[in-house]
Amino acid sequence: MIQNPCIRECIFDYDEDYCTGCYRRLDDIWDWSGRSDSEKIEIIERAKKLKEELEDLEGSSSST
């Protein structure tokens, strides 16, 4: 069983469609329990990638 990645720090960015706590999209959050393990892994990987991209953007903007 794949553990829910929610960290209970939910702030949803509706303009960008992701939670700033776990970096999942709204549809991924709402339908988490209905997803297969392989879908959950894909969601987690997508969320990790988004987090890394946003952190890279923050790092590059603070160095200018």
PDB file of N, CA and C in Angstrom:
ATOM      1  N   MET A   1       0.845  -1.180   0.000  1.00  0.00           N
ATOM      2  CA  MET A   1       0.000   0.000   0.000  1.00  0.00           C
ATOM      3  C   MET A   1       0.893   1.247   0.000  1.00  0.00           C
ATOM      4  N   ILE A   2       0.541   2.225  -0.816  1.00  0.00           N
ATOM      5  CA  ILE A   2       1.293   3.470  -0.940  1.00  0.00           C
ATOM      6  C   ILE A   2       0.718   4.481   0.044  1.00  0.00           C
ATOM      7  N   GLN A   3       1.576   5.051   0.866  1.00  0.00           N
ATOM      8  CA  GLN A   3       1.145   6.003   1.888  1.00  0.00           C
ATOM      9  C   GLN A   3       0.773   7.346   1.264  1.00  0.00           C
ATOM     10  N   ASN A   4      -0.264   7.958   1.781  1.00  0.00           N
ATOM     11  CA  ASN A   4      -0.694   9.278   1.338  1.00  0.00           C
ATOM     12  C   ASN A   4       0.411  10.290   1.653  1.00  0.00           C
ATOM     13  N   PRO A   5       0.833  11.098   0.661  1.00  0.00           N
ATOM     14  CA  PRO A   5       1.920  12.050   0.878  1.00  0.00           C
ATOM     15  C   PRO A   5       1.499  13.359   1.557  1.00  0.00           C
ATOM     16  N   CYS A   6       0.263  13.460   1.971  1.00  0.00           N
ATOM     17  CA  CYS A   6      -0.209  14.682   2.622  1.00  0.00           C
ATOM     18  C   CYS A   6       0.600  14.941   3.893  1.00  0.00           C
ATOM     19  N   ILE A   7       1.056  16.193   4.056  1.00  0.00           N
ATOM     20  CA  ILE A   7       1.823  16.554   5.254  1.00  0.00           C
ATOM     21  C   ILE A   7       1.031  17.478   6.174  1.00  0.00           C
ATOM     22  N   ARG A   8      -0.250  17.619   5.899  1.00  0.00           N
ATOM     23  CA  ARG A   8      -1.172  18.409   6.723  1.00  0.00           C
ATOM     24  C   ARG A   8      -0.784  19.891   6.796  1.00  0.00           C
ATOM     25  N   GLU A   9      -0.176  20.386   5.720  1.00  0.00           N
ATOM     26  CA  GLU A   9       0.135  21.806   5.588  1.00  0.00           C
ATOM     27  C   GLU A   9      -0.463  22.286   4.272  1.00  0.00           C
ATOM     28  N   CYS A  10      -1.772  22.114   4.163  1.00  0.00           N
ATOM     29  CA  CYS A  10      -2.456  22.352   2.906  1.00  0.00           C
ATOM     30  C   CYS A  10      -2.738  23.832   2.671  1.00  0.00           C
ATOM     31  N   ILE A  11      -2.147  24.336   1.615  1.00  0.00           N
ATOM     32  CA  ILE A  11      -2.476  25.650   1.082  1.00  0.00           C
ATOM     33  C   ILE A  11      -2.554  25.430  -0.413  1.00  0.00           C
ATOM     34  N   PHE A  12      -3.740  25.583  -0.950  1.00  0.00           N
ATOM     35  CA  PHE A  12      -3.917  25.255  -2.358  1.00  0.00           C
ATOM     36  C   PHE A  12      -3.770  26.490  -3.221  1.00  0.00           C
ATOM     37  N   ASP A  13      -2.910  26.400  -4.218  1.00  0.00           N
ATOM     38  CA  ASP A  13      -2.716  27.458  -5.197  1.00  0.00           C
ATOM     39  C   ASP A  13      -3.659  27.149  -6.366  1.00  0.00           C
ATOM     40  N   TYR A  14      -4.835  27.776  -6.344  1.00  0.00           N
ATOM     41  CA  TYR A  14      -5.831  27.481  -7.369  1.00  0.00           C
ATOM     42  C   TYR A  14      -5.418  27.976  -8.746  1.00  0.00           C
ATOM     43  N   ASP A  15      -4.614  29.017  -8.818  1.00  0.00           N
ATOM     44  CA  ASP A  15      -4.145  29.514 -10.111  1.00  0.00           C
ATOM     45  C   ASP A  15      -3.229  28.502 -10.787  1.00  0.00           C
ATOM     46  N   GLU A  16      -2.398  27.847 -10.016  1.00  0.00           N
ATOM     47  CA  GLU A  16      -1.439  26.883 -10.557  1.00  0.00           C
ATOM     48  C   GLU A  16      -1.876  25.431 -10.377  1.00  0.00           C
ATOM     49  N   ASP A  17      -2.967  25.193  -9.642  1.00  0.00           N
ATOM     50  CA  ASP A  17      -3.549  23.861  -9.436  1.00  0.00           C
ATOM     51  C   ASP A  17      -2.615  22.882  -8.723  1.00  0.00           C
ATOM     52  N   TYR A  18      -2.096  23.306  -7.572  1.00  0.00           N
ATOM     53  CA  TYR A  18      -1.345  22.365  -6.748  1.00  0.00           C
ATOM     54  C   TYR A  18      -1.368  22.814  -5.297  1.00  0.00           C
ATOM     55  N   CYS A  19      -1.169  21.865  -4.397  1.00  0.00           N
ATOM     56  CA  CYS A  19      -1.075  22.139  -2.961  1.00  0.00           C
ATOM     57  C   CYS A  19       0.376  22.485  -2.647  1.00  0.00           C
ATOM     58  N   THR A  20       0.583  23.565  -1.924  1.00  0.00           N
ATOM     59  CA  THR A  20       1.952  23.968  -1.592  1.00  0.00           C
ATOM     60  C   THR A  20       2.529  23.138  -0.447  1.00  0.00           C
ATOM     61  N   GLY A  21       1.753  22.239   0.113  1.00  0.00           N
ATOM     62  CA  GLY A  21       2.267  21.332   1.139  1.00  0.00           C
ATOM     63  C   GLY A  21       2.824  20.051   0.537  1.00  0.00           C
ATOM     64  N   CYS A  22       2.023  19.397  -0.309  1.00  0.00           N
ATOM     65  CA  CYS A  22       2.438  18.105  -0.882  1.00  0.00           C
ATOM     66  C   CYS A  22       2.696  18.171  -2.382  1.00  0.00           C
ATOM     67  N   TYR A  23       2.360  19.291  -3.015  1.00  0.00           N
ATOM     68  CA  TYR A  23       2.606  19.528  -4.442  1.00  0.00           C
ATOM     69  C   TYR A  23       1.785  18.642  -5.367  1.00  0.00           C
ATOM     70  N   ARG A  24       0.674  18.126  -4.851  1.00  0.00           N
ATOM     71  CA  ARG A  24      -0.223  17.355  -5.712  1.00  0.00           C
ATOM     72  C   ARG A  24      -1.306  18.267  -6.283  1.00  0.00           C
ATOM     73  N   ARG A  25      -1.861  17.866  -7.432  1.00  0.00           N
ATOM     74  CA  ARG A  25      -2.977  18.589  -8.037  1.00  0.00           C
ATOM     75  C   ARG A  25      -4.260  18.239  -7.286  1.00  0.00           C
ATOM     76  N   LEU A  26      -5.252  19.101  -7.432  1.00  0.00           N
ATOM     77  CA  LEU A  26      -6.509  18.907  -6.708  1.00  0.00           C
ATOM     78  C   LEU A  26      -7.151  17.563  -7.021  1.00  0.00           C
ATOM     79  N   ASP A  27      -7.212  17.188  -8.299  1.00  0.00           N
ATOM     80  CA  ASP A  27      -7.833  15.899  -8.632  1.00  0.00           C
ATOM     81  C   ASP A  27      -7.049  14.726  -8.066  1.00  0.00           C
ATOM     82  N   ASP A  28      -5.732  14.877  -7.933  1.00  0.00           N
ATOM     83  CA  ASP A  28      -4.920  13.818  -7.326  1.00  0.00           C
ATOM     84  C   ASP A  28      -5.199  13.693  -5.833  1.00  0.00           C
ATOM     85  N   ILE A  29      -5.467  14.806  -5.194  1.00  0.00           N
ATOM     86  CA  ILE A  29      -5.763  14.807  -3.755  1.00  0.00           C
ATOM     87  C   ILE A  29      -7.133  14.189  -3.497  1.00  0.00           C
ATOM     88  N   TRP A  30      -8.147  14.653  -4.222  1.00  0.00           N
ATOM     89  CA  TRP A  30      -9.513  14.203  -3.977  1.00  0.00           C
ATOM     90  C   TRP A  30      -9.704  12.729  -4.270  1.00  0.00           C
ATOM     91  N   ASP A  31      -9.046  12.200  -5.279  1.00  0.00           N
ATOM     92  CA  ASP A  31      -9.277  10.814  -5.682  1.00  0.00           C
ATOM     93  C   ASP A  31      -8.144   9.885  -5.259  1.00  0.00           C
ATOM     94  N   TRP A  32      -7.372  10.274  -4.255  1.00  0.00           N
ATOM     95  CA  TRP A  32      -6.214   9.481  -3.837  1.00  0.00           C
ATOM     96  C   TRP A  32      -6.597   8.037  -3.509  1.00  0.00           C
ATOM     97  N   SER A  33      -7.625   7.850  -2.714  1.00  0.00           N
ATOM     98  CA  SER A  33      -7.978   6.488  -2.269  1.00  0.00           C
ATOM     99  C   SER A  33      -8.510   5.623  -3.412  1.00  0.00           C
ATOM    100  N   GLY A  34      -8.968   6.244  -4.490  1.00  0.00           N
ATOM    101  CA  GLY A  34      -9.476   5.482  -5.628  1.00  0.00           C
ATOM    102  C   GLY A  34      -8.417   5.142  -6.654  1.00  0.00           C
ATOM    103  N   ARG A  35      -7.194   5.568  -6.428  1.00  0.00           N
ATOM    104  CA  ARG A  35      -6.107   5.334  -7.386  1.00  0.00           C
ATOM    105  C   ARG A  35      -5.407   4.007  -7.119  1.00  0.00           C
ATOM    106  N   SER A  36      -4.885   3.430  -8.184  1.00  0.00           N
ATOM    107  CA  SER A  36      -4.092   2.206  -8.047  1.00  0.00           C
ATOM    108  C   SER A  36      -2.716   2.576  -7.500  1.00  0.00           C
ATOM    109  N   ASP A  37      -1.978   1.585  -7.031  1.00  0.00           N
ATOM    110  CA  ASP A  37      -0.628   1.852  -6.518  1.00  0.00           C
ATOM    111  C   ASP A  37       0.262   2.469  -7.587  1.00  0.00           C
ATOM    112  N   SER A  38       0.163   1.997  -8.821  1.00  0.00           N
ATOM    113  CA  SER A  38       1.007   2.560  -9.885  1.00  0.00           C
ATOM    114  C   SER A  38       0.628   4.012 -10.169  1.00  0.00           C
ATOM    115  N   GLU A  39      -0.657   4.332 -10.107  1.00  0.00           N
ATOM    116  CA  GLU A  39      -1.085   5.725 -10.288  1.00  0.00           C
ATOM    117  C   GLU A  39      -0.590   6.594  -9.135  1.00  0.00           C
ATOM    118  N   LYS A  40      -0.642   6.069  -7.927  1.00  0.00           N
ATOM    119  CA  LYS A  40      -0.157   6.815  -6.767  1.00  0.00           C
ATOM    120  C   LYS A  40       1.332   7.115  -6.879  1.00  0.00           C
ATOM    121  N   ILE A  41       2.090   6.148  -7.370  1.00  0.00           N
ATOM    122  CA  ILE A  41       3.522   6.360  -7.563  1.00  0.00           C
ATOM    123  C   ILE A  41       3.753   7.456  -8.597  1.00  0.00           C
ATOM    124  N   GLU A  42       2.995   7.444  -9.678  1.00  0.00           N
ATOM    125  CA  GLU A  42       3.103   8.484 -10.701  1.00  0.00           C
ATOM    126  C   GLU A  42       2.778   9.862 -10.120  1.00  0.00           C
ATOM    127  N   ILE A  43       1.737   9.932  -9.302  1.00  0.00           N
ATOM    128  CA  ILE A  43       1.342  11.193  -8.671  1.00  0.00           C
ATOM    129  C   ILE A  43       2.455  11.707  -7.770  1.00  0.00           C
ATOM    130  N   ILE A  44       3.024  10.825  -6.973  1.00  0.00           N
ATOM    131  CA  ILE A  44       4.112  11.215  -6.065  1.00  0.00           C
ATOM    132  C   ILE A  44       5.325  11.691  -6.855  1.00  0.00           C
ATOM    133  N   GLU A  45       5.664  10.997  -7.926  1.00  0.00           N
ATOM    134  CA  GLU A  45       6.809  11.399  -8.750  1.00  0.00           C
ATOM    135  C   GLU A  45       6.558  12.759  -9.402  1.00  0.00           C
ATOM    136  N   ARG A  46       5.345  12.973  -9.898  1.00  0.00           N
ATOM    137  CA  ARG A  46       5.001  14.253 -10.509  1.00  0.00           C
ATOM    138  C   ARG A  46       5.080  15.382  -9.483  1.00  0.00           C
ATOM    139  N   ALA A  47       4.616  15.112  -8.272  1.00  0.00           N
ATOM    140  CA  ALA A  47       4.662  16.108  -7.206  1.00  0.00           C
ATOM    141  C   ALA A  47       6.110  16.431  -6.815  1.00  0.00           C
ATOM    142  N   LYS A  48       6.959  15.411  -6.738  1.00  0.00           N
ATOM    143  CA  LYS A  48       8.382  15.633  -6.436  1.00  0.00           C
ATOM    144  C   LYS A  48       9.044  16.491  -7.512  1.00  0.00           C
ATOM    145  N   LYS A  49       8.717  16.210  -8.756  1.00  0.00           N
ATOM    146  CA  LYS A  49       9.293  16.967  -9.865  1.00  0.00           C
ATOM    147  C   LYS A  49       8.844  18.426  -9.798  1.00  0.00           C
ATOM    148  N   LEU A  50       7.568  18.663  -9.537  1.00  0.00           N
ATOM    149  CA  LEU A  50       7.068  20.027  -9.409  1.00  0.00           C
ATOM    150  C   LEU A  50       7.774  20.759  -8.275  1.00  0.00           C
ATOM    151  N   LYS A  51       7.916  20.104  -7.150  1.00  0.00           N
ATOM    152  CA  LYS A  51       8.594  20.715  -6.002  1.00  0.00           C
ATOM    153  C   LYS A  51      10.025  21.106  -6.372  1.00  0.00           C
ATOM    154  N   GLU A  52      10.739  20.199  -7.012  1.00  0.00           N
ATOM    155  CA  GLU A  52      12.126  20.475  -7.419  1.00  0.00           C
ATOM    156  C   GLU A  52      12.186  21.645  -8.405  1.00  0.00           C
ATOM    157  N   GLU A  53      11.270  21.673  -9.365  1.00  0.00           N
ATOM    158  CA  GLU A  53      11.248  22.763 -10.342  1.00  0.00           C
ATOM    159  C   GLU A  53      10.996  24.106  -9.662  1.00  0.00           C
ATOM    160  N   LEU A  54      10.067  24.134  -8.729  1.00  0.00           N
ATOM    161  CA  LEU A  54       9.756  25.377  -8.019  1.00  0.00           C
ATOM    162  C   LEU A  54      10.924  25.820  -7.138  1.00  0.00           C
ATOM    163  N   GLU A  55      11.576  24.865  -6.505  1.00  0.00           N
ATOM    164  CA  GLU A  55      12.747  25.205  -5.682  1.00  0.00           C
ATOM    165  C   GLU A  55      13.879  25.745  -6.554  1.00  0.00           C
ATOM    166  N   ASP A  56      14.062  25.165  -7.749  1.00  0.00           N
ATOM    167  CA  ASP A  56      15.080  25.661  -8.676  1.00  0.00           C
ATOM    168  C   ASP A  56      14.761  27.087  -9.115  1.00  0.00           C
ATOM    169  N   LEU A  57      13.487  27.361  -9.393  1.00  0.00           N
ATOM    170  CA  LEU A  57      13.087  28.713  -9.775  1.00  0.00           C
ATOM    171  C   LEU A  57      13.340  29.709  -8.656  1.00  0.00           C
ATOM    172  N   GLU A  58      13.010  29.318  -7.430  1.00  0.00           N
ATOM    173  CA  GLU A  58      13.257  30.188  -6.273  1.00  0.00           C
ATOM    174  C   GLU A  58      14.748  30.460  -6.120  1.00  0.00           C
ATOM    175  N   GLY A  59      15.555  29.439  -6.274  1.00  0.00           N
ATOM    176  CA  GLY A  59      17.003  29.587  -6.151  1.00  0.00           C
ATOM    177  C   GLY A  59      17.581  30.493  -7.217  1.00  0.00           C
ATOM    178  N   SER A  60      17.095  30.351  -8.435  1.00  0.00           N
ATOM    179  CA  SER A  60      17.637  31.183  -9.514  1.00  0.00           C
ATOM    180  C   SER A  60      17.153  32.623  -9.414  1.00  0.00           C
ATOM    181  N   SER A  61      15.947  32.844  -8.896  1.00  0.00           N
ATOM    182  CA  SER A  61      15.457  34.218  -8.773  1.00  0.00           C
ATOM    183  C   SER A  61      16.091  34.954  -7.604  1.00  0.00           C
ATOM    184  N   SER A  62      16.508  34.234  -6.577  1.00  0.00           N
ATOM    185  CA  SER A  62      17.142  34.892  -5.426  1.00  0.00           C
ATOM    186  C   SER A  62      18.604  35.221  -5.681  1.00  0.00           C
ATOM    187  N   SER A  63      19.189  34.606  -6.715  1.00  0.00           N
ATOM    188  CA  SER A  63      20.597  34.864  -7.014  1.00  0.00           C
ATOM    189  C   SER A  63      20.776  36.017  -8.006  1.00  0.00           C
ATOM    190  N   THR A  64      19.671  36.585  -8.454  1.00  0.00           N
ATOM    191  CA  THR A  64      19.783  37.694  -9.414  1.00  0.00           C
ATOM    192  C   THR A  64      19.701  39.028  -8.747  1.00  0.00           C
TER     193      THR A  64
END
